Amino acid sequence: MVSPACRRASGMLVVPLAAGIHLFLQSDARAQATDALPAAAEPWLAEPGDWAADFNEAQVACYEGSMTACDSIWMSDRVLFDTFLGDYGRSCGGRVDIREIRRANLTCAEAFPGYE
């Protein structure tokens, strides 16, 4: 007999998995080939001396395919929700629709495994 806790735990795993599958099937969020990411949007780099310049290196790394760099931008306490920096990071460098990845509750590293 399966305990209620085990059933609840397995249900908790199914929802994110189903959401992730939906994200990849319904949008252009997934890589088209094993070693290819969707094209990224060009980052808007800040001028030296601007507080946002602290994120230039992360934006470039995100643009080049580092999903942990993308996540580090939007997860930063210094970056406001719904700003260019926040949107750039949350959309994995413009590779996915923000609404879809939020709905699926995935990070960029989870959405694109192997591109840490």
Protein backbone atom coordinates (compact mmCIF):
# COMPACT_ATOMS: atom_id res chain seq x y z
CA MET A 1 0.00 0.00 0.00
CA VAL A 2 1.35 3.42 -0.94
CA SER A 3 1.28 5.99 1.81
CA PRO A 4 -0.51 9.33 1.26
CA ALA A 5 2.83 11.11 1.62
CA CYS A 6 4.33 9.08 -1.24
CA ARG A 7 1.30 9.77 -3.43
CA ARG A 8 1.55 13.48 -2.67
CA ALA A 9 5.29 13.51 -3.38
CA SER A 10 4.84 11.74 -6.71
CA GLY A 11 2.09 14.20 -7.61
CA MET A 12 4.41 17.08 -6.79
CA LEU A 13 6.92 15.70 -9.29
CA VAL A 14 4.37 15.19 -12.05
CA VAL A 15 3.16 18.80 -12.15
CA PRO A 16 6.57 20.43 -12.86
CA LEU A 17 7.39 17.67 -15.34
CA ALA A 18 4.11 18.16 -17.19
CA ALA A 19 4.60 21.94 -17.15
CA GLY A 20 8.10 21.55 -18.55
CA ILE A 21 6.90 19.28 -21.32
CA HIS A 22 4.13 21.76 -22.13
CA LEU A 23 6.67 24.60 -22.27
CA PHE A 24 8.85 22.75 -24.72
CA LEU A 25 6.03 21.50 -26.92
CA GLN A 26 4.07 24.77 -27.06
CA SER A 27 6.87 27.27 -27.59
CA ASP A 28 10.23 27.70 -29.22
CA ALA A 29 11.90 27.31 -25.83
CA ARG A 30 13.67 24.05 -26.56
CA ALA A 31 16.85 23.63 -28.50
CA GLN A 32 16.29 22.52 -32.07
CA ALA A 33 19.27 20.17 -32.06
CA THR A 34 21.17 18.45 -29.30
CA ASP A 35 23.99 20.96 -29.42
CA ALA A 36 22.09 24.09 -30.49
CA LEU A 37 20.24 26.72 -28.51
CA PRO A 38 17.62 28.99 -30.04
CA ALA A 39 19.04 32.33 -31.14
CA ALA A 40 19.48 34.86 -28.34
CA ALA A 41 18.54 38.53 -28.36
CA GLU A 42 21.40 41.02 -28.29
CA PRO A 43 22.07 42.25 -24.75
CA TRP A 44 21.91 45.94 -23.89
CA LEU A 45 25.17 46.56 -22.12
CA ALA A 46 25.39 49.44 -19.67
CA GLU A 47 28.05 52.12 -19.74
CA PRO A 48 30.90 51.85 -17.22
CA GLY A 49 29.94 53.52 -13.97
CA ASP A 50 26.25 52.64 -14.33
CA TRP A 51 25.05 50.16 -11.67
CA ALA A 52 23.73 47.89 -14.42
CA ALA A 53 27.27 47.55 -15.82
CA ASP A 54 27.81 45.03 -13.01
CA PHE A 55 25.60 42.70 -15.08
CA ASN A 56 27.34 43.20 -18.44
CA GLU A 57 29.50 40.11 -18.02
CA ALA A 58 26.48 37.99 -17.06
CA GLN A 59 24.51 39.33 -20.05
CA VAL A 60 27.32 38.39 -22.42
CA ALA A 61 27.63 34.92 -20.86
CA CYS A 62 23.84 34.49 -21.12
CA TYR A 63 23.93 35.59 -24.77
CA GLU A 64 26.70 33.05 -25.39
CA GLY A 65 24.62 30.24 -23.90
CA SER A 66 25.29 30.08 -20.14
CA MET A 67 21.88 29.46 -18.62
CA THR A 68 23.21 29.88 -15.07
CA ALA A 69 24.33 33.37 -16.09
CA CYS A 70 20.81 34.10 -17.35
CA ASP A 71 19.38 32.86 -14.06
CA SER A 72 21.86 34.92 -12.04
CA ILE A 73 20.56 38.09 -13.69
CA TRP A 74 16.84 37.69 -13.02
CA MET A 75 17.37 36.12 -9.59
CA SER A 76 19.55 38.99 -8.37
CA ASP A 77 18.08 41.13 -5.59
CA ARG A 78 19.44 44.17 -7.44
CA VAL A 79 17.42 43.57 -10.61
CA LEU A 80 13.81 44.67 -10.60
CA PHE A 81 11.00 42.55 -11.97
CA ASP A 82 9.82 43.58 -15.48
CA THR A 83 12.89 45.64 -16.36
CA PHE A 84 15.11 44.99 -19.35
CA LEU A 85 17.68 43.16 -17.23
CA GLY A 86 15.04 41.11 -15.44
CA ASP A 87 13.28 40.22 -18.68
CA TYR A 88 16.54 39.41 -20.47
CA GLY A 89 17.59 37.00 -17.77
CA ARG A 90 14.14 35.47 -17.25
CA SER A 91 13.68 34.88 -20.97
CA CYS A 92 17.04 33.07 -21.08
CA GLY A 93 18.53 35.81 -23.23
CA GLY A 94 15.40 36.20 -25.34
CA ARG A 95 15.23 32.49 -26.15
CA VAL A 96 11.86 31.77 -24.51
CA ASP A 97 8.57 33.53 -23.87
CA ILE A 98 8.59 34.89 -20.31
CA ARG A 99 4.96 33.93 -19.67
CA GLU A 100 5.60 30.33 -20.71
CA ILE A 101 8.71 29.85 -18.59
CA ARG A 102 7.02 31.47 -15.58
CA ARG A 103 3.96 29.26 -16.06
CA ALA A 104 6.21 26.19 -16.23
CA ASN A 105 8.09 27.44 -13.14
CA LEU A 106 11.46 26.59 -14.66
CA THR A 107 14.82 28.30 -14.44
CA CYS A 108 16.85 28.71 -17.61
CA ALA A 109 19.24 25.97 -16.46
CA GLU A 110 16.26 23.64 -16.04
CA ALA A 111 14.75 24.63 -19.38
CA PHE A 112 18.06 24.05 -21.19
CA PRO A 113 19.87 21.24 -19.38
CA GLY A 114 23.49 20.93 -20.35
CA TYR A 115 23.94 24.68 -20.86
CA GLU A 116 24.92 25.59 -17.33
